[in-house]
Amino acid sequence: MNPSVVFSQLISTFGINCTIFFVTLVVALPLGLIVAFGTMSRFKPLAYLLKTVIWIIRGTPLMLQIIFIYYGPGLLHWGQPWNAMGTNGRVVATCVAFAINYACYFSEIFRGGIQSVPRGQYEAGQVLGMTKSQIFFKVTLLQVIKRVIPPMGNEFMTLIKDTALANIIATKEIVMMSKEFINMGLIWPLFSTALFFLAFCGILTLLFGWLEKKLDYFRA
C-alpha cells in the first residue's frame, strides 16, 4: 500500500482522537468544577451522593464505562439512542463516557486546589467587604489554577492516550486503524501512531510548562 495513503488515513483517524479529547475537556472541566462545589456543599445528602458517584467512576475501568454507556440503553430496553446518530453515534457515546469519567477526576483536583488556599485569605476578603463571588474570582481562583496546573497536565496527557479506548465499541480511531494495517502485514503504522501521541503529549508538556511560568508569581 502507498505510504502516503496510509499516513493520510492515520492523520484522519487521529482527528477522531483529538475530537474526543477536546469535547471531553469542554464538557468535563466546567462539570468537574460544579461537582467539586457539590462535594463541598453543606447540604450533606448532595455531597454524599456526589462522593458516591465519584467513588464508583474512579473505582471502575473507563473501558467498562464506555461499554455501559454505549450498550447499556439497549440492554435495559431504553432504546438505542446512539444508532439514531448514524456513524457519529459511537463517537458521541465515547465522549459522554469520557466526560463523566474525567469530570469526576477533575472535581477531585479542583476540590484539592480550592481547599489548599489558606482560609485566612477568604476571611481577609470578608473583612474588606467583598462578596463570596468576588473573593472566589479575585482572590481564590487564580491561586487554585496555579495549584491544579501540574495534576491537570498529567490528566490531560492521560486523556489523549485514553482516547484509544474508543475502539472497544468499534470507533475507528488511530489505534484501531493501525491494527488494521498490521493485519495487512504493515508494522510501521504502529510506530507512526506512537509518534502522533508523543508529539501531542510534547505539545501539552510545553503548554503546561509555559502556564506554570506565567502563574509563578502566585507562591504558596
N, C-alpha and C. Protein backbone atom coordinates (compact mmCIF):
# COMPACT_ATOMS: atom_id res chain seq x y z
N MET A 1 0.85 -1.20 0.00
CA MET A 1 0.00 0.00 0.00
C MET A 1 0.88 1.25 0.00
N ASN A 2 0.43 2.25 -0.71
CA ASN A 2 1.17 3.51 -0.80
C ASN A 2 1.31 4.15 0.59
N PRO A 3 2.57 4.44 1.02
CA PRO A 3 2.78 5.03 2.35
C PRO A 3 2.03 6.34 2.56
N SER A 4 1.90 7.15 1.53
CA SER A 4 1.20 8.43 1.68
C SER A 4 -0.29 8.21 1.97
N VAL A 5 -0.87 7.16 1.38
CA VAL A 5 -2.28 6.84 1.65
C VAL A 5 -2.44 6.37 3.08
N VAL A 6 -1.52 5.51 3.52
CA VAL A 6 -1.56 5.01 4.90
C VAL A 6 -1.45 6.17 5.89
N PHE A 7 -0.49 7.06 5.62
CA PHE A 7 -0.25 8.18 6.53
C PHE A 7 -1.46 9.12 6.58
N SER A 8 -2.09 9.34 5.43
CA SER A 8 -3.27 10.22 5.40
C SER A 8 -4.42 9.62 6.18
N GLN A 9 -4.56 8.30 6.15
CA GLN A 9 -5.61 7.63 6.91
C GLN A 9 -5.33 7.68 8.41
N LEU A 10 -4.05 7.59 8.76
CA LEU A 10 -3.68 7.71 10.18
C LEU A 10 -3.99 9.12 10.69
N ILE A 11 -3.66 10.13 9.89
CA ILE A 11 -3.96 11.51 10.27
C ILE A 11 -5.46 11.71 10.43
N SER A 12 -6.22 11.16 9.48
CA SER A 12 -7.68 11.31 9.52
C SER A 12 -8.28 10.68 10.78
N THR A 13 -7.83 9.47 11.12
CA THR A 13 -8.39 8.79 12.28
C THR A 13 -7.87 9.41 13.59
N PHE A 14 -6.67 10.01 13.56
CA PHE A 14 -6.20 10.70 14.76
C PHE A 14 -7.07 11.92 15.05
N GLY A 15 -7.72 12.42 14.00
CA GLY A 15 -8.68 13.51 14.21
C GLY A 15 -9.82 13.09 15.12
N ILE A 16 -10.20 11.80 15.08
CA ILE A 16 -11.24 11.29 15.98
C ILE A 16 -10.74 11.35 17.42
N ASN A 17 -9.49 10.94 17.63
CA ASN A 17 -8.90 11.01 18.97
C ASN A 17 -8.89 12.44 19.48
N CYS A 18 -8.52 13.38 18.61
CA CYS A 18 -8.47 14.79 19.00
C CYS A 18 -9.87 15.33 19.30
N THR A 19 -10.85 14.89 18.53
CA THR A 19 -12.23 15.31 18.77
C THR A 19 -12.69 14.86 20.15
N ILE A 20 -12.44 13.60 20.46
CA ILE A 20 -12.82 13.07 21.78
C ILE A 20 -12.10 13.85 22.89
N PHE A 21 -10.83 14.15 22.67
CA PHE A 21 -10.03 14.89 23.65
C PHE A 21 -10.62 16.26 23.93
N PHE A 22 -10.86 17.03 22.89
CA PHE A 22 -11.32 18.41 23.08
C PHE A 22 -12.76 18.49 23.57
N VAL A 23 -13.63 17.62 23.06
CA VAL A 23 -15.02 17.61 23.54
C VAL A 23 -15.07 17.24 25.02
N THR A 24 -14.25 16.26 25.40
CA THR A 24 -14.20 15.85 26.81
C THR A 24 -13.79 17.02 27.70
N LEU A 25 -12.77 17.77 27.28
CA LEU A 25 -12.30 18.90 28.08
C LEU A 25 -13.38 19.98 28.19
N VAL A 26 -14.02 20.30 27.06
CA VAL A 26 -15.04 21.36 27.06
C VAL A 26 -16.18 21.03 28.03
N VAL A 27 -16.53 19.75 28.12
CA VAL A 27 -17.64 19.34 29.00
C VAL A 27 -17.15 19.05 30.42
N ALA A 28 -16.04 18.31 30.54
CA ALA A 28 -15.61 17.80 31.84
C ALA A 28 -15.03 18.87 32.76
N LEU A 29 -14.35 19.89 32.21
CA LEU A 29 -13.75 20.91 33.07
C LEU A 29 -14.81 21.71 33.84
N PRO A 30 -15.81 22.31 33.19
CA PRO A 30 -16.84 23.02 33.97
C PRO A 30 -17.68 22.07 34.83
N LEU A 31 -17.97 20.88 34.29
CA LEU A 31 -18.74 19.91 35.07
C LEU A 31 -17.97 19.48 36.31
N GLY A 32 -16.67 19.28 36.16
CA GLY A 32 -15.84 18.90 37.30
C GLY A 32 -15.83 19.97 38.38
N LEU A 33 -15.82 21.25 37.97
CA LEU A 33 -15.84 22.34 38.95
C LEU A 33 -17.17 22.37 39.70
N ILE A 34 -18.26 22.14 38.96
CA ILE A 34 -19.59 22.09 39.60
C ILE A 34 -19.66 20.94 40.59
N VAL A 35 -19.16 19.78 40.18
CA VAL A 35 -19.17 18.62 41.07
C VAL A 35 -18.31 18.87 42.30
N ALA A 36 -17.17 19.55 42.11
CA ALA A 36 -16.30 19.87 43.25
C ALA A 36 -17.04 20.71 44.28
N PHE A 37 -17.77 21.73 43.80
CA PHE A 37 -18.55 22.56 44.72
C PHE A 37 -19.63 21.71 45.40
N GLY A 38 -20.20 20.77 44.64
CA GLY A 38 -21.24 19.91 45.21
C GLY A 38 -20.70 19.03 46.33
N THR A 39 -19.48 18.50 46.15
CA THR A 39 -18.91 17.64 47.19
C THR A 39 -18.54 18.43 48.44
N MET A 40 -18.34 19.75 48.29
CA MET A 40 -18.03 20.59 49.44
C MET A 40 -19.27 21.28 50.01
N SER A 41 -20.43 20.94 49.45
CA SER A 41 -21.68 21.56 49.88
C SER A 41 -22.01 21.21 51.33
N ARG A 42 -22.65 22.16 52.01
CA ARG A 42 -23.11 21.90 53.37
C ARG A 42 -24.39 21.06 53.38
N PHE A 43 -24.99 20.89 52.20
CA PHE A 43 -26.16 20.02 52.08
C PHE A 43 -25.65 18.59 51.96
N LYS A 44 -25.57 17.88 53.05
CA LYS A 44 -24.90 16.60 53.13
C LYS A 44 -25.42 15.53 52.17
N PRO A 45 -26.74 15.39 51.97
CA PRO A 45 -27.20 14.37 51.02
C PRO A 45 -26.60 14.55 49.62
N LEU A 46 -26.51 15.81 49.16
CA LEU A 46 -25.92 16.08 47.85
C LEU A 46 -24.44 15.73 47.85
N ALA A 47 -23.73 16.14 48.90
CA ALA A 47 -22.29 15.87 48.99
C ALA A 47 -22.02 14.37 49.01
N TYR A 48 -22.81 13.62 49.81
CA TYR A 48 -22.61 12.17 49.90
C TYR A 48 -22.94 11.48 48.58
N LEU A 49 -24.00 11.96 47.90
CA LEU A 49 -24.38 11.37 46.61
C LEU A 49 -23.27 11.55 45.58
N LEU A 50 -22.74 12.77 45.49
CA LEU A 50 -21.68 13.04 44.51
C LEU A 50 -20.40 12.29 44.84
N LYS A 51 -20.08 12.18 46.12
CA LYS A 51 -18.89 11.43 46.52
C LYS A 51 -19.03 9.95 46.18
N THR A 52 -20.26 9.43 46.29
CA THR A 52 -20.50 8.03 45.92
C THR A 52 -20.34 7.82 44.42
N VAL A 53 -20.87 8.76 43.65
CA VAL A 53 -20.72 8.68 42.19
C VAL A 53 -19.24 8.73 41.80
N ILE A 54 -18.49 9.65 42.41
CA ILE A 54 -17.06 9.77 42.14
C ILE A 54 -16.34 8.47 42.49
N TRP A 55 -16.71 7.88 43.61
CA TRP A 55 -16.09 6.62 44.05
C TRP A 55 -16.34 5.51 43.03
N ILE A 56 -17.56 5.44 42.51
CA ILE A 56 -17.91 4.42 41.53
C ILE A 56 -17.15 4.64 40.22
N ILE A 57 -17.15 5.89 39.75
CA ILE A 57 -16.49 6.20 38.47
C ILE A 57 -14.98 5.99 38.56
N ARG A 58 -14.39 6.43 39.65
CA ARG A 58 -12.93 6.28 39.79
C ARG A 58 -12.52 4.85 40.11
N GLY A 59 -13.47 4.07 40.62
CA GLY A 59 -13.16 2.70 41.03
C GLY A 59 -13.43 1.64 39.98
N THR A 60 -13.96 2.05 38.82
CA THR A 60 -14.23 1.10 37.75
C THR A 60 -13.47 1.52 36.48
N PRO A 61 -13.11 0.56 35.65
CA PRO A 61 -12.33 0.90 34.44
C PRO A 61 -13.11 1.77 33.46
N LEU A 62 -12.43 2.70 32.85
CA LEU A 62 -13.06 3.56 31.84
C LEU A 62 -13.59 2.72 30.68
N MET A 63 -12.91 1.63 30.37
CA MET A 63 -13.35 0.76 29.28
C MET A 63 -14.77 0.22 29.55
N LEU A 64 -15.01 -0.22 30.79
CA LEU A 64 -16.33 -0.72 31.15
C LEU A 64 -17.38 0.38 31.08
N GLN A 65 -17.00 1.59 31.45
CA GLN A 65 -17.93 2.71 31.40
C GLN A 65 -18.33 3.04 29.97
N ILE A 66 -17.37 2.97 29.04
CA ILE A 66 -17.68 3.20 27.63
C ILE A 66 -18.65 2.14 27.12
N ILE A 67 -18.38 0.89 27.47
CA ILE A 67 -19.27 -0.22 27.05
C ILE A 67 -20.67 -0.02 27.62
N PHE A 68 -20.75 0.36 28.90
CA PHE A 68 -22.05 0.54 29.54
C PHE A 68 -22.82 1.69 28.90
N ILE A 69 -22.15 2.80 28.64
CA ILE A 69 -22.83 3.96 28.04
C ILE A 69 -23.35 3.62 26.64
N TYR A 70 -22.58 2.85 25.89
CA TYR A 70 -22.98 2.55 24.51
C TYR A 70 -24.03 1.44 24.44
N TYR A 71 -23.79 0.33 25.17
CA TYR A 71 -24.69 -0.81 25.06
C TYR A 71 -25.79 -0.81 26.14
N GLY A 72 -25.56 -0.07 27.23
CA GLY A 72 -26.49 -0.09 28.35
C GLY A 72 -27.94 0.23 28.00
N PRO A 73 -28.20 1.35 27.30
CA PRO A 73 -29.60 1.69 26.99
C PRO A 73 -30.34 0.58 26.25
N GLY A 74 -29.68 -0.06 25.30
CA GLY A 74 -30.31 -1.15 24.56
C GLY A 74 -30.56 -2.37 25.43
N LEU A 75 -29.58 -2.73 26.26
CA LEU A 75 -29.72 -3.89 27.14
C LEU A 75 -30.79 -3.68 28.21
N LEU A 76 -30.99 -2.41 28.59
CA LEU A 76 -32.02 -2.09 29.59
C LEU A 76 -33.37 -1.77 28.94
N HIS A 77 -33.44 -2.00 27.62
CA HIS A 77 -34.68 -1.78 26.85
C HIS A 77 -35.14 -0.33 26.89
N TRP A 78 -34.17 0.57 26.88
CA TRP A 78 -34.48 2.01 26.81
C TRP A 78 -34.33 2.52 25.37
N GLY A 79 -34.15 1.62 24.44
CA GLY A 79 -33.87 2.04 23.07
C GLY A 79 -32.37 2.18 22.86
N GLN A 80 -31.98 2.51 21.66
CA GLN A 80 -30.57 2.69 21.34
C GLN A 80 -30.38 4.07 20.71
N PRO A 81 -30.20 5.11 21.56
CA PRO A 81 -30.11 6.48 21.04
C PRO A 81 -28.91 6.71 20.14
N TRP A 82 -27.84 5.94 20.33
CA TRP A 82 -26.61 6.19 19.57
C TRP A 82 -26.78 5.79 18.11
N ASN A 83 -27.60 4.77 17.84
CA ASN A 83 -27.81 4.35 16.46
C ASN A 83 -28.52 5.42 15.65
N ALA A 84 -29.35 6.22 16.33
CA ALA A 84 -30.08 7.28 15.63
C ALA A 84 -29.15 8.38 15.11
N MET A 85 -27.92 8.42 15.64
CA MET A 85 -26.96 9.43 15.22
C MET A 85 -26.08 8.97 14.06
N GLY A 86 -26.34 7.77 13.58
CA GLY A 86 -25.57 7.26 12.45
C GLY A 86 -24.13 6.95 12.83
N THR A 87 -23.21 7.29 11.92
CA THR A 87 -21.80 6.95 12.14
C THR A 87 -21.19 7.73 13.30
N ASN A 88 -21.80 8.86 13.67
CA ASN A 88 -21.26 9.66 14.78
C ASN A 88 -21.70 9.16 16.14
N GLY A 89 -22.62 8.20 16.17
CA GLY A 89 -23.16 7.73 17.44
C GLY A 89 -22.11 7.16 18.37
N ARG A 90 -21.19 6.39 17.81
CA ARG A 90 -20.14 5.78 18.63
C ARG A 90 -19.22 6.85 19.23
N VAL A 91 -18.91 7.87 18.43
CA VAL A 91 -18.05 8.95 18.92
C VAL A 91 -18.75 9.72 20.03
N VAL A 92 -20.05 10.00 19.84
CA VAL A 92 -20.81 10.74 20.85
C VAL A 92 -20.89 9.93 22.15
N ALA A 93 -21.16 8.64 22.04
CA ALA A 93 -21.23 7.78 23.23
C ALA A 93 -19.89 7.77 23.96
N THR A 94 -18.80 7.70 23.18
CA THR A 94 -17.47 7.73 23.78
C THR A 94 -17.22 9.04 24.51
N CYS A 95 -17.62 10.16 23.89
CA CYS A 95 -17.42 11.47 24.50
C CYS A 95 -18.22 11.59 25.80
N VAL A 96 -19.44 11.04 25.82
CA VAL A 96 -20.26 11.08 27.03
C VAL A 96 -19.57 10.32 28.16
N ALA A 97 -19.08 9.11 27.85
CA ALA A 97 -18.39 8.30 28.86
C ALA A 97 -17.14 9.00 29.36
N PHE A 98 -16.36 9.56 28.45
CA PHE A 98 -15.13 10.26 28.83
C PHE A 98 -15.44 11.50 29.68
N ALA A 99 -16.47 12.26 29.28
CA ALA A 99 -16.81 13.48 30.02
C ALA A 99 -17.20 13.17 31.46
N ILE A 100 -18.00 12.13 31.65
CA ILE A 100 -18.41 11.73 33.00
C ILE A 100 -17.21 11.28 33.82
N ASN A 101 -16.38 10.43 33.20
CA ASN A 101 -15.21 9.90 33.89
C ASN A 101 -14.25 11.00 34.31
N TYR A 102 -13.88 11.85 33.36
CA TYR A 102 -12.88 12.87 33.65
C TYR A 102 -13.43 14.02 34.50
N ALA A 103 -14.73 14.25 34.45
CA ALA A 103 -15.32 15.26 35.34
C ALA A 103 -15.12 14.85 36.80
N CYS A 104 -15.22 13.55 37.06
CA CYS A 104 -15.03 13.07 38.44
C CYS A 104 -13.58 13.25 38.88
N TYR A 105 -12.64 12.96 37.99
CA TYR A 105 -11.23 13.15 38.33
C TYR A 105 -10.90 14.64 38.48
N PHE A 106 -11.40 15.45 37.56
CA PHE A 106 -11.16 16.89 37.63
C PHE A 106 -11.75 17.48 38.90
N SER A 107 -12.91 16.97 39.33
CA SER A 107 -13.57 17.52 40.52
C SER A 107 -12.69 17.35 41.76
N GLU A 108 -12.01 16.22 41.84
CA GLU A 108 -11.14 16.00 42.99
C GLU A 108 -9.91 16.91 42.94
N ILE A 109 -9.42 17.17 41.74
CA ILE A 109 -8.29 18.10 41.60
C ILE A 109 -8.72 19.51 41.97
N PHE A 110 -9.90 19.93 41.49
CA PHE A 110 -10.42 21.26 41.82
C PHE A 110 -10.66 21.38 43.32
N ARG A 111 -11.25 20.35 43.91
CA ARG A 111 -11.54 20.39 45.35
C ARG A 111 -10.26 20.55 46.16
N GLY A 112 -9.23 19.78 45.78
CA GLY A 112 -7.95 19.90 46.48
C GLY A 112 -7.35 21.28 46.32
N GLY A 113 -7.46 21.85 45.11
CA GLY A 113 -6.92 23.19 44.86
C GLY A 113 -7.65 24.26 45.66
N ILE A 114 -8.97 24.17 45.71
CA ILE A 114 -9.77 25.15 46.44
C ILE A 114 -9.49 25.08 47.94
N GLN A 115 -9.45 23.87 48.46
CA GLN A 115 -9.24 23.70 49.90
C GLN A 115 -7.81 24.00 50.33
N SER A 116 -6.87 24.06 49.35
CA SER A 116 -5.48 24.35 49.71
C SER A 116 -5.22 25.84 49.89
N VAL A 117 -6.14 26.69 49.41
CA VAL A 117 -5.98 28.13 49.60
C VAL A 117 -6.23 28.46 51.07
N PRO A 118 -5.30 29.15 51.73
CA PRO A 118 -5.45 29.43 53.16
C PRO A 118 -6.78 30.12 53.49
N ARG A 119 -7.43 29.65 54.55
CA ARG A 119 -8.72 30.21 54.98
C ARG A 119 -8.59 31.69 55.32
N GLY A 120 -7.42 32.09 55.77
CA GLY A 120 -7.21 33.48 56.17
C GLY A 120 -7.44 34.46 55.03
N GLN A 121 -7.16 34.03 53.80
CA GLN A 121 -7.36 34.92 52.66
C GLN A 121 -8.85 35.16 52.41
N TYR A 122 -9.63 34.13 52.62
CA TYR A 122 -11.08 34.26 52.47
C TYR A 122 -11.63 35.22 53.54
N GLU A 123 -11.14 35.04 54.76
CA GLU A 123 -11.60 35.89 55.86
C GLU A 123 -11.16 37.34 55.66
N ALA A 124 -9.95 37.52 55.09
CA ALA A 124 -9.48 38.88 54.81
C ALA A 124 -10.37 39.56 53.78
N GLY A 125 -10.81 38.81 52.80
CA GLY A 125 -11.72 39.35 51.80
C GLY A 125 -13.05 39.77 52.41
N GLN A 126 -13.54 38.99 53.36
CA GLN A 126 -14.78 39.33 54.04
C GLN A 126 -14.63 40.62 54.85
N VAL A 127 -13.47 40.75 55.50
CA VAL A 127 -13.21 41.96 56.27
C VAL A 127 -13.22 43.20 55.37
N LEU A 128 -12.73 43.04 54.15
CA LEU A 128 -12.69 44.16 53.20
C LEU A 128 -14.06 44.42 52.55
N GLY A 129 -15.04 43.62 52.92
CA GLY A 129 -16.39 43.84 52.40
C GLY A 129 -16.67 43.19 51.07
N MET A 130 -15.85 42.25 50.65
CA MET A 130 -16.05 41.57 49.38
C MET A 130 -17.12 40.49 49.51
N THR A 131 -17.87 40.27 48.44
CA THR A 131 -18.87 39.21 48.43
C THR A 131 -18.17 37.87 48.21
N LYS A 132 -18.91 36.78 48.39
CA LYS A 132 -18.33 35.45 48.19
C LYS A 132 -17.85 35.26 46.76
N SER A 133 -18.63 35.74 45.81
CA SER A 133 -18.24 35.59 44.40
C SER A 133 -16.99 36.43 44.09
N GLN A 134 -16.91 37.63 44.67
CA GLN A 134 -15.72 38.47 44.45
C GLN A 134 -14.48 37.82 45.05
N ILE A 135 -14.64 37.24 46.22
CA ILE A 135 -13.50 36.57 46.87
C ILE A 135 -13.03 35.41 46.00
N PHE A 136 -14.00 34.64 45.47
CA PHE A 136 -13.63 33.47 44.67
C PHE A 136 -12.92 33.88 43.40
N PHE A 137 -13.48 34.82 42.64
CA PHE A 137 -12.93 35.16 41.34
C PHE A 137 -11.69 36.05 41.43
N LYS A 138 -11.60 36.92 42.46
CA LYS A 138 -10.50 37.86 42.54
C LYS A 138 -9.37 37.42 43.47
N VAL A 139 -9.68 36.52 44.40
CA VAL A 139 -8.66 36.09 45.37
C VAL A 139 -8.31 34.62 45.21
N THR A 140 -9.32 33.77 45.13
CA THR A 140 -9.11 32.32 45.19
C THR A 140 -8.79 31.69 43.84
N LEU A 141 -9.52 32.09 42.79
CA LEU A 141 -9.48 31.36 41.53
C LEU A 141 -8.09 31.22 40.93
N LEU A 142 -7.34 32.35 40.81
CA LEU A 142 -6.03 32.28 40.18
C LEU A 142 -5.06 31.42 41.00
N GLN A 143 -5.21 31.44 42.31
CA GLN A 143 -4.36 30.59 43.15
C GLN A 143 -4.72 29.11 42.97
N VAL A 144 -6.01 28.85 42.79
CA VAL A 144 -6.46 27.48 42.54
C VAL A 144 -5.89 26.99 41.22
N ILE A 145 -5.96 27.84 40.18
CA ILE A 145 -5.43 27.46 38.86
C ILE A 145 -3.95 27.13 38.97
N LYS A 146 -3.20 27.95 39.72
CA LYS A 146 -1.78 27.71 39.90
C LYS A 146 -1.53 26.34 40.54
N ARG A 147 -2.34 25.99 41.52
CA ARG A 147 -2.15 24.73 42.24
C ARG A 147 -2.58 23.50 41.43
N VAL A 148 -3.56 23.67 40.55
CA VAL A 148 -4.07 22.50 39.82
C VAL A 148 -3.38 22.27 38.49
N ILE A 149 -2.54 23.20 38.04
CA ILE A 149 -1.88 23.05 36.75
C ILE A 149 -1.08 21.74 36.64
N PRO A 150 -0.19 21.39 37.61
CA PRO A 150 0.58 20.14 37.46
C PRO A 150 -0.29 18.88 37.38
N PRO A 151 -1.23 18.68 38.33
CA PRO A 151 -2.06 17.47 38.20
C PRO A 151 -2.95 17.48 36.97
N MET A 152 -3.41 18.67 36.56
CA MET A 152 -4.22 18.75 35.34
C MET A 152 -3.40 18.36 34.12
N GLY A 153 -2.13 18.75 34.10
CA GLY A 153 -1.25 18.38 32.99
C GLY A 153 -1.16 16.86 32.85
N ASN A 154 -1.04 16.18 33.99
CA ASN A 154 -1.00 14.71 33.96
C ASN A 154 -2.30 14.13 33.42
N GLU A 155 -3.43 14.69 33.86
CA GLU A 155 -4.72 14.19 33.41
C GLU A 155 -4.93 14.43 31.93
N PHE A 156 -4.48 15.58 31.44
CA PHE A 156 -4.63 15.88 30.01
C PHE A 156 -3.86 14.87 29.17
N MET A 157 -2.64 14.54 29.61
CA MET A 157 -1.83 13.58 28.86
C MET A 157 -2.43 12.18 28.93
N THR A 158 -2.98 11.83 30.09
CA THR A 158 -3.65 10.54 30.21
C THR A 158 -4.88 10.50 29.31
N LEU A 159 -5.59 11.62 29.23
CA LEU A 159 -6.80 11.68 28.42
C LEU A 159 -6.51 11.41 26.94
N ILE A 160 -5.51 12.07 26.37
CA ILE A 160 -5.26 11.88 24.95
C ILE A 160 -4.88 10.42 24.67
N LYS A 161 -4.18 9.77 25.59
CA LYS A 161 -3.83 8.37 25.40
C LYS A 161 -5.03 7.46 25.61
N ASP A 162 -5.89 7.83 26.54
CA ASP A 162 -7.09 7.03 26.80
C ASP A 162 -8.07 7.03 25.64
N THR A 163 -7.97 8.03 24.76
CA THR A 163 -8.90 8.07 23.63
C THR A 163 -8.81 6.81 22.77
N ALA A 164 -7.68 6.10 22.89
CA ALA A 164 -7.53 4.85 22.14
C ALA A 164 -8.53 3.80 22.60
N LEU A 165 -9.07 3.96 23.83
CA LEU A 165 -10.06 3.00 24.34
C LEU A 165 -11.37 3.06 23.56
N ALA A 166 -11.54 4.10 22.75
CA ALA A 166 -12.77 4.23 21.97
C ALA A 166 -12.96 3.05 21.02
N ASN A 167 -11.87 2.37 20.66
CA ASN A 167 -12.03 1.27 19.70
C ASN A 167 -12.73 0.06 20.31
N ILE A 168 -12.97 0.09 21.64
CA ILE A 168 -13.67 -1.02 22.29
C ILE A 168 -15.11 -1.12 21.79
N ILE A 169 -15.68 0.01 21.30
CA ILE A 169 -17.02 -0.03 20.71
C ILE A 169 -16.93 0.24 19.20
N ALA A 170 -15.78 -0.12 18.64
CA ALA A 170 -15.54 -0.05 17.19
C ALA A 170 -15.54 1.38 16.65
N THR A 171 -15.13 2.33 17.49
CA THR A 171 -14.91 3.69 17.00
C THR A 171 -13.57 3.69 16.26
N LYS A 172 -13.56 4.10 15.02
CA LYS A 172 -12.36 3.97 14.19
C LYS A 172 -11.40 5.11 14.45
N GLU A 173 -10.67 5.00 15.57
CA GLU A 173 -9.64 6.00 15.87
C GLU A 173 -8.29 5.45 15.41
N ILE A 174 -7.22 6.14 15.72
CA ILE A 174 -5.94 5.84 15.10
C ILE A 174 -5.36 4.48 15.48
N VAL A 175 -5.56 4.03 16.72
CA VAL A 175 -5.02 2.73 17.12
C VAL A 175 -5.74 1.60 16.39
N MET A 176 -7.05 1.74 16.27
CA MET A 176 -7.81 0.73 15.52
C MET A 176 -7.37 0.70 14.06
N MET A 177 -7.11 1.89 13.51
CA MET A 177 -6.65 1.98 12.12
C MET A 177 -5.30 1.30 11.95
N SER A 178 -4.40 1.54 12.90
CA SER A 178 -3.06 0.94 12.80
C SER A 178 -3.13 -0.58 12.95
N LYS A 179 -4.08 -1.07 13.76
CA LYS A 179 -4.26 -2.53 13.90
C LYS A 179 -4.72 -3.14 12.58
N GLU A 180 -5.53 -2.40 11.84
CA GLU A 180 -5.98 -2.89 10.54
C GLU A 180 -4.80 -3.00 9.57
N PHE A 181 -3.90 -2.02 9.66
CA PHE A 181 -2.71 -2.07 8.80
C PHE A 181 -1.79 -3.22 9.21
N ILE A 182 -1.74 -3.51 10.51
CA ILE A 182 -0.93 -4.65 10.97
C ILE A 182 -1.46 -5.95 10.37
N ASN A 183 -2.79 -6.07 10.32
CA ASN A 183 -3.40 -7.26 9.74
C ASN A 183 -3.09 -7.38 8.25
N MET A 184 -2.71 -6.25 7.62
CA MET A 184 -2.31 -6.27 6.21
C MET A 184 -0.82 -6.55 6.06
N GLY A 185 -0.13 -6.71 7.18
CA GLY A 185 1.30 -7.00 7.14
C GLY A 185 2.20 -5.79 7.24
N LEU A 186 1.65 -4.63 7.65
CA LEU A 186 2.44 -3.41 7.79
C LEU A 186 2.67 -3.12 9.28
N ILE A 187 3.93 -2.98 9.68
CA ILE A 187 4.24 -2.71 11.08
C ILE A 187 4.51 -1.23 11.34
N TRP A 188 5.01 -0.50 10.33
CA TRP A 188 5.43 0.88 10.57
C TRP A 188 4.29 1.81 10.98
N PRO A 189 3.02 1.59 10.57
CA PRO A 189 1.96 2.48 11.05
C PRO A 189 1.80 2.47 12.57
N LEU A 190 2.18 1.32 13.20
CA LEU A 190 2.10 1.25 14.66
C LEU A 190 3.06 2.24 15.30
N PHE A 191 4.28 2.33 14.76
CA PHE A 191 5.27 3.27 15.29
C PHE A 191 4.87 4.72 14.96
N SER A 192 4.26 4.91 13.81
CA SER A 192 3.77 6.25 13.46
C SER A 192 2.68 6.70 14.41
N THR A 193 1.82 5.75 14.81
CA THR A 193 0.77 6.05 15.78
C THR A 193 1.37 6.51 17.10
N ALA A 194 2.42 5.82 17.53
CA ALA A 194 3.10 6.22 18.77
C ALA A 194 3.66 7.63 18.66
N LEU A 195 4.18 7.98 17.49
CA LEU A 195 4.74 9.32 17.29
C LEU A 195 3.66 10.40 17.35
N PHE A 196 2.47 10.08 16.87
CA PHE A 196 1.36 11.04 16.96
C PHE A 196 1.07 11.37 18.43
N PHE A 197 0.99 10.33 19.25
CA PHE A 197 0.70 10.55 20.67
C PHE A 197 1.86 11.25 21.37
N LEU A 198 3.08 10.87 21.02
CA LEU A 198 4.25 11.52 21.62
C LEU A 198 4.29 13.01 21.27
N ALA A 199 3.99 13.34 20.02
CA ALA A 199 4.00 14.74 19.61
C ALA A 199 2.92 15.53 20.34
N PHE A 200 1.75 14.94 20.47
CA PHE A 200 0.65 15.62 21.16
C PHE A 200 1.01 15.86 22.63
N CYS A 201 1.55 14.83 23.28
CA CYS A 201 1.94 14.98 24.68
C CYS A 201 3.09 15.97 24.83
N GLY A 202 3.97 16.03 23.82
CA GLY A 202 5.06 17.01 23.86
C GLY A 202 4.54 18.43 23.82
N ILE A 203 3.53 18.66 22.99
CA ILE A 203 2.91 19.98 22.91
C ILE A 203 2.25 20.34 24.24
N LEU A 204 1.56 19.36 24.84
CA LEU A 204 0.92 19.61 26.14
C LEU A 204 1.96 19.92 27.22
N THR A 205 3.09 19.22 27.18
CA THR A 205 4.16 19.46 28.15
C THR A 205 4.67 20.89 28.05
N LEU A 206 4.90 21.35 26.83
CA LEU A 206 5.36 22.73 26.62
C LEU A 206 4.31 23.73 27.07
N LEU A 207 3.04 23.45 26.77
CA LEU A 207 1.96 24.36 27.13
C LEU A 207 1.83 24.50 28.64
N PHE A 208 1.85 23.38 29.34
CA PHE A 208 1.70 23.45 30.79
C PHE A 208 2.95 24.02 31.46
N GLY A 209 4.11 23.80 30.87
CA GLY A 209 5.32 24.43 31.39
C GLY A 209 5.24 25.94 31.27
N TRP A 210 4.72 26.41 30.14
CA TRP A 210 4.54 27.85 29.93
C TRP A 210 3.52 28.42 30.92
N LEU A 211 2.42 27.70 31.13
CA LEU A 211 1.40 28.17 32.07
C LEU A 211 1.94 28.26 33.49
N GLU A 212 2.74 27.28 33.89
CA GLU A 212 3.31 27.30 35.23
C GLU A 212 4.22 28.51 35.42
N LYS A 213 4.98 28.84 34.40
CA LYS A 213 5.85 30.01 34.49
C LYS A 213 5.04 31.31 34.55
N LYS A 214 3.95 31.36 33.76
CA LYS A 214 3.11 32.56 33.75
C LYS A 214 2.45 32.80 35.10
N LEU A 215 2.16 31.72 35.81
CA LEU A 215 1.49 31.82 37.11
C LEU A 215 2.46 31.72 38.28
N ASP A 216 3.75 31.83 37.98
CA ASP A 216 4.76 31.62 39.02
C ASP A 216 4.75 32.70 40.09
N TYR A 217 4.09 33.85 39.82
CA TYR A 217 4.07 34.92 40.82
C TYR A 217 3.14 34.58 41.97
N PHE A 218 2.30 33.51 41.80
CA PHE A 218 1.49 33.04 42.92
C PHE A 218 2.29 31.98 43.63
N ARG A 219 2.84 32.33 44.74
CA ARG A 219 3.65 31.37 45.51
C ARG A 219 2.92 31.01 46.79
N ALA A 220 2.96 29.69 47.06
CA ALA A 220 2.29 29.22 48.29
C ALA A 220 3.04 29.71 49.51
